[in-house]
C-alpha cells in the first residue's frame, strides 16, 4: 500500500497565520413544548482557543463535548451565538463553508459528501474558479499534488465505486487543492487500515512543520499524545485543557485522567445461567445464495452465511468489497437478484423471505431491526426532532398521543444518559449521541435479529466499551446480532464476536 508522504516546500506565509475563537458561545434553540415554548441547548460556553500555522492541534472530548460544533463554527457551517472569530487578530464572519474556504480554512468531514456521479478528479476541482484553465493543466496540478503527498488514488475512477478510505483521500485532495492556511480533519485515521495510519500522521505532521495549520478531531488519545504540537480538551461545551505538548507534555495516561473510565456491566454467574436458558428462544438468520448487481455499485455474488441465535456474528469487509451493497440489500433498500433470508427457531416452521422482495416494513414485521451506517440521513434526518426520530414505529398508532411519544422519547434519552430536550432537533446531536439513540429505538421493538452497520463509527472510547458490553448482553438474551463493518478497530476485537466471516470482492471467503 502506498504511503502518504508530504514533499511540498513551505506554505505561503502571506496567508493568515492564526485563527482564533474568542469567548465563543453557541446555543441551539428548539421547541420545548406544543405551546410555543423554546428550549435552549448550550453547545459551546465562552470558549476561547487559538490555532496557529505550523502546528498540529488535536481536539479531544467525549461524544457531545462540543468538538464538532467548534470546528463547524471555524469552517463556516455554523454561526456563533456570541463571541468573535478572528484571523490574525482581525474580526471576521463566515457566511458559509465556501466563504471560510475563500479565507483559507478547509475541512474534511468524517464521511465526506462527494458528487458520486463525477470522477475523483472532477470532485477535486469542483470548486475551482479557474474557468479558462485547460483541463490538462488542471490534471497536472492535481497529479502533482497527489504525488507530493503520495496519495494513491485513481483520479479518473467514478466516485461511487470508491472505498471509504479512497473517499477520504479524494476529500483531502479537494481540500488541499484550495491551498488552505488551515486544514480541519474529523477523525481522519478512523477509516484507514492500520498500516496506513502512521504514514498518514507522519505526512500531516510534516505538512504542519512546513507551515500548514492542522486541526484534528480525534478520540485516539495515544495518537494525540504522540503527534500533537498542542492538545485541547472539551467537556460539555467548555474548554478544560489547552496546552502545547513541548511545554506541558502529557502522555497517554496523563490525558486519560481527563476522561472517566468506562465501567461496563459484567454478568455475574446467576445472570449468565439465566441467559444461557434464554438463548434457545432466539431465531437464527441464514442468508442463502444472495446475489445483487445494482447499477454503479459493487456487486454481490452467491453470499451464504448463518448468524446463530444468541450470537454476535461479524461480516468483516475488505476495501471495495461491496459492504454497502450488502447493507442495503439486507435492510431492504435495494433489490437483490436472487437469494433467501431464513429465520429459524427450534420447534417452529422456518420463515423464508425472498431477498428480491425485501422492504424495511417487511423486515420489521418479521422482527429484524437495522441500525444503518448513515445515521444522519437514513437512520433519521437532521430536520427531525428527537421525538420524531425515535417514534416512527409508534406515531401511526391511534392510541399514541403526544404525551405518550414524548414520554417514550424521554425514557430512551434517560436510558442513554443524554440530558437533552426531546423537542431538540437531531442535527444538534453529536454522531455518537445519535448512534446511541437509534440503537435504543431499534431495541425498543424487541427484535429477533439486530443488524448493525459500522456501529462504533464516531463513538468515544467509553461509549465503544459500553456498546460492546451491551451487544453481548443483548445476544445473551437471545437476540441474533449481525455486525457489518470495514472499520479497522471493530475488526481487531479478539473476544467479542462469536464468529466472523470475511467479505472480499462481493464474496464470502
Protein backbone atom coordinates (compact mmCIF):
# COMPACT_ATOMS: atom_id res chain seq x y z
CA UNK A 1 0.00 0.00 0.00
CA UNK A 2 1.39 3.39 -0.92
CA UNK A 3 2.31 5.64 1.96
CA UNK A 4 1.43 9.27 2.44
CA UNK A 5 4.50 11.48 2.17
CA UNK A 6 4.47 15.27 2.26
CA UNK A 7 7.11 16.81 -0.01
CA UNK A 8 5.93 20.40 -0.62
CA UNK A 9 8.08 23.39 0.11
CA UNK A 10 6.92 25.66 2.93
CA UNK A 11 3.44 27.05 2.64
CA UNK A 12 2.89 30.63 1.54
CA UNK A 13 3.36 32.85 4.55
CA UNK A 14 1.28 35.75 3.24
CA UNK A 15 -1.92 33.99 4.33
CA UNK A 16 -3.44 34.16 7.86
CA UNK A 17 -1.07 32.81 10.47
CA UNK A 18 -3.56 32.48 13.33
CA UNK A 19 -7.23 31.63 13.66
CA UNK A 20 -8.91 32.31 16.96
CA UNK A 21 -12.26 31.76 18.61
CA UNK A 22 -12.70 34.44 21.28
CA UNK A 23 -15.29 33.74 24.02
CA UNK A 24 -17.44 31.86 21.56
CA UNK A 25 -20.85 30.66 22.69
CA UNK A 26 -23.12 28.57 20.50
CA UNK A 27 -26.71 28.00 21.58
CA UNK A 28 -29.09 25.83 19.61
CA UNK A 29 -32.77 26.56 20.05
CA UNK A 30 -35.66 24.16 19.52
CA UNK A 31 -39.34 23.93 20.54
CA UNK A 32 -39.81 22.97 24.18
CA UNK A 33 -43.49 22.12 24.09
CA UNK A 34 -46.62 22.37 21.97
CA UNK A 35 -47.44 25.80 23.37
CA UNK A 36 -44.63 27.54 21.54
CA UNK A 37 -42.00 27.40 24.27
CA UNK A 38 -38.34 27.40 23.30
CA UNK A 39 -35.60 25.16 24.70
CA UNK A 40 -32.00 26.36 24.57
CA UNK A 41 -29.05 23.99 24.38
CA UNK A 42 -25.60 25.42 25.06
CA UNK A 43 -23.19 23.52 22.79
CA UNK A 44 -20.21 25.80 23.49
CA UNK A 45 -19.89 28.07 26.50
CA UNK A 46 -17.48 31.05 26.23
CA UNK A 47 -14.72 29.04 24.60
CA UNK A 48 -11.51 30.82 23.68
CA UNK A 49 -9.00 28.86 21.63
CA UNK A 50 -6.23 29.72 19.17
CA UNK A 51 -4.97 27.77 16.18
CA UNK A 52 -1.61 28.57 14.60
CA UNK A 53 0.05 27.82 11.29
CA UNK A 54 2.85 25.32 11.61
CA UNK A 55 1.06 23.46 14.42
CA UNK A 56 -0.75 20.12 14.63
CA UNK A 57 -3.56 20.83 17.10
CA UNK A 58 -5.65 17.89 18.35
CA UNK A 59 -9.09 18.35 19.90
CA UNK A 60 -10.25 15.65 22.30
CA UNK A 61 -13.52 15.14 24.14
CA UNK A 62 -16.30 12.64 24.69
CA UNK A 63 -19.36 12.40 22.46
CA UNK A 64 -21.40 15.59 22.86
CA UNK A 65 -18.49 17.61 24.27
CA UNK A 66 -18.77 20.24 21.51
CA UNK A 67 -15.86 19.25 19.26
CA UNK A 68 -17.84 19.16 16.02
CA UNK A 69 -19.67 22.38 16.87
CA UNK A 70 -16.35 24.12 17.43
CA UNK A 71 -14.85 23.20 14.07
CA UNK A 72 -18.17 23.79 12.30
CA UNK A 73 -18.03 27.37 13.56
CA UNK A 74 -14.46 27.74 12.35
CA UNK A 75 -15.30 26.21 8.96
CA UNK A 76 -18.39 28.37 8.39
CA UNK A 77 -21.03 25.65 8.75
CA UNK A 78 -22.50 27.24 11.91
CA UNK A 79 -22.61 30.83 13.10
CA UNK A 80 -21.76 31.76 16.71
CA UNK A 81 -24.43 32.98 19.10
CA UNK A 82 -21.91 35.31 20.69
CA UNK A 83 -18.18 35.89 20.63
CA UNK A 84 -15.82 36.53 17.76
CA UNK A 85 -13.84 34.65 15.14
CA UNK A 86 -10.51 36.30 14.36
CA UNK A 87 -7.95 35.78 11.62
CA UNK A 88 -4.62 37.38 12.52
CA UNK A 89 -6.46 39.26 15.29
CA UNK A 90 -8.95 40.81 12.87
CA UNK A 91 -12.63 40.01 13.41
CA UNK A 92 -14.17 38.06 10.59
CA UNK A 93 -17.52 36.43 9.76
CA UNK A 94 -18.10 33.36 7.64
CA UNK A 95 -21.37 33.31 5.74
CA UNK A 96 -20.85 29.72 4.60
CA UNK A 97 -18.22 26.96 4.32
CA UNK A 98 -17.38 28.34 0.86
CA UNK A 99 -16.69 31.72 2.44
CA UNK A 100 -14.44 30.12 5.07
CA UNK A 101 -12.62 28.24 2.29
CA UNK A 102 -12.03 31.51 0.44
CA UNK A 103 -10.39 32.82 3.60
CA UNK A 104 -8.12 29.81 3.92
CA UNK A 105 -9.97 27.31 6.14
CA UNK A 106 -10.78 23.88 4.64
CA UNK A 107 -12.46 20.95 6.35
CA UNK A 108 -12.51 17.24 5.54
CA UNK A 109 -15.56 15.66 7.17
CA UNK A 110 -15.78 12.26 8.80
CA UNK A 111 -17.93 10.91 5.97
CA UNK A 112 -17.15 13.23 3.04
CA UNK A 113 -20.03 14.37 0.86
CA UNK A 114 -18.86 13.85 -2.71
CA UNK A 115 -20.63 14.00 -6.05
CA UNK A 116 -20.97 10.29 -6.78
CA UNK A 117 -21.71 10.80 -10.47
CA UNK A 118 -18.38 12.57 -11.03
CA UNK A 119 -14.83 11.26 -11.19
CA UNK A 120 -12.28 11.72 -8.42
CA UNK A 121 -10.58 14.44 -10.46
CA UNK A 122 -13.85 16.29 -11.08
CA UNK A 123 -14.67 16.23 -7.38
CA UNK A 124 -11.26 17.67 -6.54
CA UNK A 125 -11.53 20.63 -8.93
CA UNK A 126 -15.29 21.12 -8.46
CA UNK A 127 -14.84 24.37 -6.53
CA UNK A 128 -12.09 25.69 -8.79
CA UNK A 129 -12.61 29.20 -10.12
CA UNK A 130 -10.05 28.67 -12.87
CA UNK A 131 -12.70 28.72 -15.60
CA UNK A 132 -10.35 29.25 -18.54
CA UNK A 133 -7.56 26.90 -17.47
CA UNK A 134 -7.16 23.93 -19.77
CA UNK A 135 -8.18 20.55 -18.44
CA UNK A 136 -4.73 19.04 -18.91
CA UNK A 137 -3.23 21.85 -16.80
CA UNK A 138 -5.68 21.09 -14.02
CA UNK A 139 -4.92 17.37 -14.30
CA UNK A 140 -1.20 18.10 -13.97
CA UNK A 141 -1.80 20.29 -10.92
CA UNK A 142 -3.90 17.60 -9.21
CA UNK A 143 -1.46 14.84 -10.20
CA UNK A 144 1.46 16.83 -8.77
CA UNK A 145 -0.49 17.44 -5.57
CA UNK A 146 -1.33 13.74 -5.21
CA UNK A 147 2.28 12.78 -5.87
CA UNK A 148 3.63 15.32 -3.39
CA UNK A 149 1.52 13.68 -0.69
CA UNK A 150 1.98 10.24 -2.26
CA UNK A 151 -1.78 9.70 -2.16
CA UNK A 152 -2.50 6.71 -4.35
CA UNK A 153 -5.98 7.19 -5.80
CA UNK A 154 -7.19 6.79 -9.39
CA UNK A 155 -8.11 10.32 -10.47
CA UNK A 156 -10.45 9.07 -13.17
CA UNK A 157 -12.34 6.49 -11.13
CA UNK A 158 -16.03 7.13 -10.56
CA UNK A 159 -16.59 8.29 -7.01
CA UNK A 160 -19.47 5.90 -6.34
CA UNK A 161 -17.07 2.96 -6.64
CA UNK A 162 -14.53 4.28 -4.12
CA UNK A 163 -13.75 2.61 -0.81
CA UNK A 164 -14.29 4.73 2.32
CA UNK A 165 -10.51 5.27 2.57
CA UNK A 166 -10.33 6.48 -1.05
CA UNK A 167 -13.29 8.81 -0.44
CA UNK A 168 -11.29 10.32 2.42
CA UNK A 169 -8.26 10.73 0.16
CA UNK A 170 -10.41 12.40 -2.51
CA UNK A 171 -11.86 14.84 0.01
CA UNK A 172 -8.37 15.52 1.37
CA UNK A 173 -7.02 16.30 -2.10
CA UNK A 174 -10.02 18.54 -2.73
CA UNK A 175 -9.25 20.48 0.45
CA UNK A 176 -5.52 20.71 -0.31
CA UNK A 177 -6.26 21.83 -3.87
CA UNK A 178 -7.56 25.13 -2.46
CA UNK A 179 -4.14 25.75 -0.83
CA UNK A 180 -5.60 26.46 2.63
CA UNK A 181 -3.96 28.07 5.63
CA UNK A 182 -5.76 25.68 7.98
CA UNK A 183 -6.90 22.12 7.35
CA UNK A 184 -9.53 20.60 9.67
CA UNK A 185 -9.71 16.79 9.77
CA UNK A 186 -12.53 14.93 11.56
CA UNK A 187 -11.34 11.50 12.76
CA UNK A 188 -9.13 11.02 9.68
CA UNK A 189 -7.40 7.81 10.71
CA UNK A 190 -10.59 6.03 11.82
CA UNK A 191 -11.32 4.99 8.24
CA UNK A 192 -7.77 3.99 7.30
CA UNK A 193 -6.41 0.45 7.64
CA UNK A 194 -3.82 0.08 10.40
CA UNK A 195 -0.81 0.04 8.06
CA UNK A 196 -1.75 3.45 6.62
CA UNK A 197 -2.34 5.34 9.87
CA UNK A 198 1.25 6.08 10.88
CA UNK A 199 2.35 7.16 7.38
CA UNK A 200 -0.68 9.44 7.24
CA UNK A 201 0.14 11.05 10.59
CA UNK A 202 3.78 11.43 9.55
CA UNK A 203 2.62 13.17 6.40
CA UNK A 204 0.38 15.73 8.08
CA UNK A 205 2.99 16.29 10.77
CA UNK A 206 5.48 17.25 8.06
CA UNK A 207 2.85 19.49 6.48
CA UNK A 208 2.48 21.29 9.80
CA UNK A 209 6.25 21.76 10.04
CA UNK A 210 6.15 23.26 6.54
CA UNK A 211 3.59 25.85 7.66
CA UNK A 212 0.12 24.36 7.30
CA UNK A 213 -2.19 24.65 10.30
CA UNK A 214 -3.60 21.19 11.07
CA UNK A 215 -6.64 20.77 13.33
CA UNK A 216 -7.68 17.19 14.13
CA UNK A 217 -10.76 15.96 15.96
CA UNK A 218 -9.93 12.57 17.38
CA UNK A 219 -10.91 10.01 20.00
CA UNK A 220 -7.49 8.37 19.75
CA UNK A 221 -5.71 9.54 22.89
CA UNK A 222 -2.49 7.69 22.04
CA UNK A 223 -2.41 9.29 18.60
CA UNK A 224 -2.93 12.77 20.04
CA UNK A 225 -0.22 12.33 22.67
CA UNK A 226 2.32 11.16 20.10
CA UNK A 227 1.79 13.54 17.20
CA UNK A 228 0.29 16.77 18.51
CA UNK A 229 2.06 20.09 19.00
CA UNK A 230 -0.93 21.25 21.06
CA UNK A 231 -3.84 19.39 22.63
CA UNK A 232 -7.18 20.89 23.67
CA UNK A 233 -9.91 19.04 25.55
CA UNK A 234 -13.60 19.93 25.63
CA UNK A 235 -16.11 18.74 28.20
CA UNK A 236 -19.81 19.61 27.95
CA UNK A 237 -19.17 22.70 25.89
CA UNK A 238 -16.34 24.08 27.98
CA UNK A 239 -12.63 24.13 27.23
CA UNK A 240 -10.98 22.36 30.17
CA UNK A 241 -7.43 21.98 28.84
CA UNK A 242 -5.31 23.54 26.09
CA UNK A 243 -1.53 23.34 26.22
CA UNK A 244 1.46 22.91 23.96
CA UNK A 245 2.93 19.43 24.20
CA UNK A 246 6.51 20.69 24.17
CA UNK A 247 5.82 22.79 27.28
CA UNK A 248 3.36 20.55 29.13
CA UNK A 249 3.89 17.16 27.55
CA UNK A 250 1.20 14.70 28.60
CA UNK A 251 1.50 11.04 27.79
CA UNK A 252 -1.46 8.77 27.17
CA UNK A 253 -2.02 8.12 30.88
CA UNK A 254 -1.93 11.83 31.62
CA UNK A 255 -4.57 12.56 29.01
CA UNK A 256 -6.79 9.69 30.12
CA UNK A 257 -7.20 11.38 33.50
CA UNK A 258 -9.49 13.90 31.80
CA UNK A 259 -11.89 11.14 30.80
CA UNK A 260 -13.98 8.83 33.02
CA UNK A 261 -13.07 5.18 32.93
CA UNK A 262 -15.71 3.01 31.25
CA UNK A 263 -17.49 0.82 33.75
CA UNK A 264 -19.11 -1.93 31.71
CA UNK A 265 -21.65 -4.08 33.49
CA UNK A 266 -20.26 -7.56 33.90
CA UNK A 267 -22.55 -10.55 34.11
CA UNK A 268 -22.50 -12.49 37.35
CA UNK A 269 -22.89 -16.25 37.36
CA UNK A 270 -26.64 -16.01 38.02
CA UNK A 271 -27.13 -13.73 35.02
CA UNK A 272 -25.03 -16.00 32.84
CA UNK A 273 -27.09 -19.04 33.85
CA UNK A 274 -30.31 -17.11 33.20
CA UNK A 275 -29.10 -16.01 29.77
CA UNK A 276 -27.99 -19.50 28.80
CA UNK A 277 -31.61 -20.56 29.28
CA UNK A 278 -32.80 -17.70 27.09
CA UNK A 279 -30.53 -18.32 24.12
CA UNK A 280 -32.60 -21.18 22.58
CA UNK A 281 -35.56 -18.79 22.40
CA UNK A 282 -33.80 -16.77 19.70
CA UNK A 283 -34.01 -17.01 15.92
CA UNK A 284 -31.08 -17.88 13.69
CA UNK A 285 -30.67 -15.84 10.49
CA UNK A 286 -29.49 -17.68 7.38
CA UNK A 287 -28.60 -15.92 4.13
CA UNK A 288 -28.63 -18.28 1.14
CA UNK A 289 -27.43 -17.74 -2.44
CA UNK A 290 -27.70 -13.95 -2.20
CA UNK A 291 -26.63 -12.10 -5.35
CA UNK A 292 -27.10 -8.48 -6.38
CA UNK A 293 -25.73 -6.32 -9.16
CA UNK A 294 -27.14 -2.82 -8.70
CA UNK A 295 -26.12 -0.04 -11.08
CA UNK A 296 -22.99 1.87 -10.06
CA UNK A 297 -22.41 -0.35 -7.02
CA UNK A 298 -20.10 -3.19 -6.12
CA UNK A 299 -21.93 -6.49 -6.90
CA UNK A 300 -22.55 -9.42 -4.57
CA UNK A 301 -22.18 -12.99 -5.75
CA UNK A 302 -23.70 -16.05 -4.08
CA UNK A 303 -23.44 -14.88 -0.46
CA UNK A 304 -24.07 -17.62 2.12
CA UNK A 305 -23.74 -17.46 5.90
CA UNK A 306 -25.65 -18.13 9.12
CA UNK A 307 -25.86 -15.95 12.23
CA UNK A 308 -26.83 -18.30 15.04
CA UNK A 309 -29.42 -17.41 17.67
CA UNK A 310 -27.93 -15.50 20.58
CA UNK A 311 -24.64 -14.96 18.77
CA UNK A 312 -22.64 -11.95 17.61
CA UNK A 313 -21.62 -12.59 14.01
CA UNK A 314 -19.31 -10.19 12.20
CA UNK A 315 -19.03 -9.66 8.45
CA UNK A 316 -15.58 -8.10 8.19
CA UNK A 317 -15.08 -6.41 4.86
CA UNK A 318 -12.03 -5.69 2.75
CA UNK A 319 -11.85 -2.33 0.91
CA UNK A 320 -14.13 -2.25 -2.13
CA UNK A 321 -15.79 -5.50 -1.08
CA UNK A 322 -19.40 -4.45 -1.62
CA UNK A 323 -20.22 -3.98 2.06
CA UNK A 324 -22.52 -1.03 1.35
CA UNK A 325 -24.37 -3.17 -1.20
CA UNK A 326 -24.80 -5.94 1.37
CA UNK A 327 -26.09 -3.45 3.95
CA UNK A 328 -28.62 -2.02 1.51
CA UNK A 329 -29.85 -5.44 0.38
CA UNK A 330 -30.23 -6.77 3.94
CA UNK A 331 -32.07 -3.60 5.02
CA UNK A 332 -34.44 -3.70 2.03
CA UNK A 333 -33.17 -0.51 0.41
CA UNK A 334 -32.11 -2.06 -2.90
CA UNK A 335 -33.38 -5.18 -4.69
CA UNK A 336 -31.38 -8.39 -4.87
CA UNK A 337 -31.33 -10.52 -8.00
CA UNK A 338 -31.67 -13.75 -6.03
CA UNK A 339 -31.39 -15.19 -2.56
CA UNK A 340 -33.32 -16.09 0.55
CA UNK A 341 -33.40 -14.90 4.17
CA UNK A 342 -34.49 -17.58 6.60
CA UNK A 343 -35.43 -17.13 10.26
CA UNK A 344 -35.20 -20.41 12.16
CA UNK A 345 -36.27 -21.31 15.69
CA UNK A 346 -36.25 -24.85 17.10
CA UNK A 347 -39.72 -26.36 17.12
CA UNK A 348 -41.20 -23.82 14.70
CA UNK A 349 -41.61 -23.77 10.94
CA UNK A 350 -38.85 -21.58 9.44
CA UNK A 351 -39.75 -18.23 7.85
CA UNK A 352 -38.40 -17.96 4.31
CA UNK A 353 -38.24 -14.45 2.82
CA UNK A 354 -37.25 -13.89 -0.80
CA UNK A 355 -34.42 -11.36 -0.95
CA UNK A 356 -35.92 -9.94 -4.15
CA UNK A 357 -38.96 -8.69 -2.22
CA UNK A 358 -37.33 -7.30 0.92
CA UNK A 359 -38.56 -3.96 2.22
CA UNK A 360 -37.87 -2.23 5.56
CA UNK A 361 -41.51 -2.76 6.57
CA UNK A 362 -41.39 -6.49 5.72
CA UNK A 363 -38.21 -6.91 7.75
CA UNK A 364 -39.73 -5.13 10.75
CA UNK A 365 -42.83 -7.33 10.53
CA UNK A 366 -40.55 -10.37 10.93
CA UNK A 367 -38.62 -8.87 13.84
CA UNK A 368 -35.49 -7.69 12.01
CA UNK A 369 -34.16 -4.31 13.21
CA UNK A 370 -31.44 -2.31 11.44
CA UNK A 371 -29.02 0.38 12.63
CA UNK A 372 -27.68 1.81 9.33
CA UNK A 373 -24.22 3.20 8.69
CA UNK A 374 -25.73 6.51 7.52
CA UNK A 375 -27.40 7.50 10.75
CA UNK A 376 -27.89 11.16 9.83
CA UNK A 377 -29.94 10.65 6.65
CA UNK A 378 -31.13 7.05 6.75
CA UNK A 379 -31.46 6.26 10.43
CA UNK A 380 -33.00 9.69 10.98
CA UNK A 381 -32.99 13.14 9.37
CA UNK A 382 -31.34 16.37 10.60
CA UNK A 383 -34.62 18.30 10.42
CA UNK A 384 -36.48 15.92 12.75
CA UNK A 385 -36.89 16.44 16.45
CA UNK A 386 -35.50 13.79 18.78
CA UNK A 387 -39.07 12.62 19.46
CA UNK A 388 -39.87 12.33 15.76
CA UNK A 389 -36.67 10.38 15.12
CA UNK A 390 -37.30 7.97 18.00
CA UNK A 391 -41.00 7.30 17.44
CA UNK A 392 -41.51 6.37 13.76
CA UNK A 393 -42.86 2.93 14.71
CA UNK A 394 -45.32 4.41 17.25
CA UNK A 395 -46.66 7.57 15.64
CA UNK A 396 -49.17 5.77 13.39
CA UNK A 397 -50.98 4.17 16.30
CA UNK A 398 -54.24 5.95 17.04
CA UNK A 399 -53.87 5.44 20.78
CA UNK A 400 -50.48 7.16 20.84
CA UNK A 401 -50.95 10.77 21.89
CA UNK A 402 -48.30 13.47 22.05
CA UNK A 403 -47.56 12.81 25.71
CA UNK A 404 -47.01 9.09 25.02
CA UNK A 405 -44.49 9.61 22.21
CA UNK A 406 -42.70 12.32 24.13
CA UNK A 407 -42.61 10.16 27.23
CA UNK A 408 -41.21 7.28 25.20
CA UNK A 409 -38.50 9.54 23.75
CA UNK A 410 -37.67 10.92 27.19
CA UNK A 411 -37.30 7.39 28.56
CA UNK A 412 -34.81 6.49 25.80
CA UNK A 413 -32.87 9.70 26.48
CA UNK A 414 -32.65 8.80 30.16
CA UNK A 415 -31.58 5.24 29.38
CA UNK A 416 -28.72 6.58 27.25
CA UNK A 417 -27.86 9.25 29.85
CA UNK A 418 -28.34 12.02 27.29
CA UNK A 419 -29.73 15.05 29.12
CA UNK A 420 -31.50 16.67 26.19
CA UNK A 421 -34.96 18.01 25.47
CA UNK A 422 -36.98 15.61 23.27
CA UNK A 423 -38.02 18.58 21.11
CA UNK A 424 -34.41 19.35 20.22
CA UNK A 425 -33.53 18.78 16.55
CA UNK A 426 -31.45 15.75 15.66
CA UNK A 427 -28.93 17.94 13.77
CA UNK A 428 -27.65 19.36 17.07
CA UNK A 429 -26.70 15.93 18.47
CA UNK A 430 -23.22 14.52 18.15
CA UNK A 431 -22.76 11.49 15.92
CA UNK A 432 -22.20 9.31 18.96
CA UNK A 433 -25.35 10.53 20.70
CA UNK A 434 -27.41 9.89 17.58
CA UNK A 435 -25.98 6.38 17.23
CA UNK A 436 -26.95 5.52 20.81
CA UNK A 437 -30.50 6.78 20.35
CA UNK A 438 -31.06 4.92 17.08
CA UNK A 439 -29.81 1.70 18.67
CA UNK A 440 -32.18 2.22 21.62
CA UNK A 441 -35.04 2.91 19.23
CA UNK A 442 -34.44 -0.33 17.34
CA UNK A 443 -34.06 -2.36 20.53
CA UNK A 444 -37.37 -0.98 21.81
CA UNK A 445 -39.08 -3.14 19.15
CA UNK A 446 -37.72 -6.31 20.86
CA UNK A 447 -36.15 -7.61 17.62
CA UNK A 448 -35.37 -11.22 16.84
CA UNK A 449 -32.41 -10.09 14.74
CA UNK A 450 -30.40 -6.87 15.06
CA UNK A 451 -28.26 -5.79 12.08
CA UNK A 452 -25.74 -3.03 12.74
CA UNK A 453 -23.53 -1.36 10.11
CA UNK A 454 -20.30 0.14 11.48
CA UNK A 455 -21.81 0.61 14.97
CA UNK A 456 -18.62 2.01 16.52
CA UNK A 457 -18.17 4.80 13.99
CA UNK A 458 -17.89 8.17 15.77
CA UNK A 459 -18.03 6.78 19.32
CA UNK A 460 -15.55 7.73 22.02
CA UNK A 461 -13.63 5.04 23.90
CA UNK A 462 -16.01 4.71 26.91
CA UNK A 463 -19.01 4.54 24.56
CA UNK A 464 -17.37 1.80 22.48
CA UNK A 465 -16.75 -0.25 25.61
CA UNK A 466 -20.34 0.20 26.78
CA UNK A 467 -21.66 -0.67 23.30
CA UNK A 468 -19.73 -3.94 23.16
CA UNK A 469 -20.94 -4.99 26.60
CA UNK A 470 -24.50 -4.04 25.67
CA UNK A 471 -24.41 -6.12 22.50
CA UNK A 472 -23.02 -9.07 24.46
CA UNK A 473 -25.92 -8.74 26.87
CA UNK A 474 -28.47 -8.48 24.05
CA UNK A 475 -27.05 -11.59 22.39
CA UNK A 476 -27.07 -13.39 25.72
CA UNK A 477 -30.80 -12.68 25.99
CA UNK A 478 -31.39 -14.48 22.69
CA UNK A 479 -31.26 -11.72 20.05
CA UNK A 480 -29.16 -12.55 16.99
CA UNK A 481 -26.65 -9.75 16.41
CA UNK A 482 -25.12 -9.27 12.95
CA UNK A 483 -22.43 -6.61 12.52
CA UNK A 484 -21.29 -5.37 9.11
CA UNK A 485 -18.06 -3.41 9.25
CA UNK A 486 -14.96 -2.31 7.42
CA UNK A 487 -13.76 -0.16 10.34
CA UNK A 488 -10.34 -1.45 11.42
CA UNK A 489 -10.90 -1.02 15.18
CA UNK A 490 -14.06 -3.12 15.06
CA UNK A 491 -12.21 -5.88 13.22
CA UNK A 492 -9.43 -6.02 15.81
CA UNK A 493 -11.60 -7.21 18.72
CA UNK A 494 -10.43 -10.65 19.84
CA UNK A 495 -13.10 -11.70 22.36
CA UNK A 496 -16.24 -10.04 21.02
CA UNK A 497 -17.53 -12.00 18.04
CA UNK A 498 -18.99 -15.47 18.32
CA UNK A 499 -17.80 -16.00 14.76
CA UNK A 500 -16.73 -13.90 11.78
CA UNK A 501 -16.96 -14.08 8.02
CA UNK A 502 -14.84 -12.12 5.54
CA UNK A 503 -16.31 -10.27 2.58
CA UNK A 504 -13.99 -9.66 -0.35
CA UNK A 505 -14.88 -8.60 -3.88
CA UNK A 506 -18.53 -9.36 -3.31
CA UNK A 507 -17.99 -12.87 -1.95
CA UNK A 508 -17.76 -14.51 1.46
CA UNK A 509 -14.30 -16.10 1.67
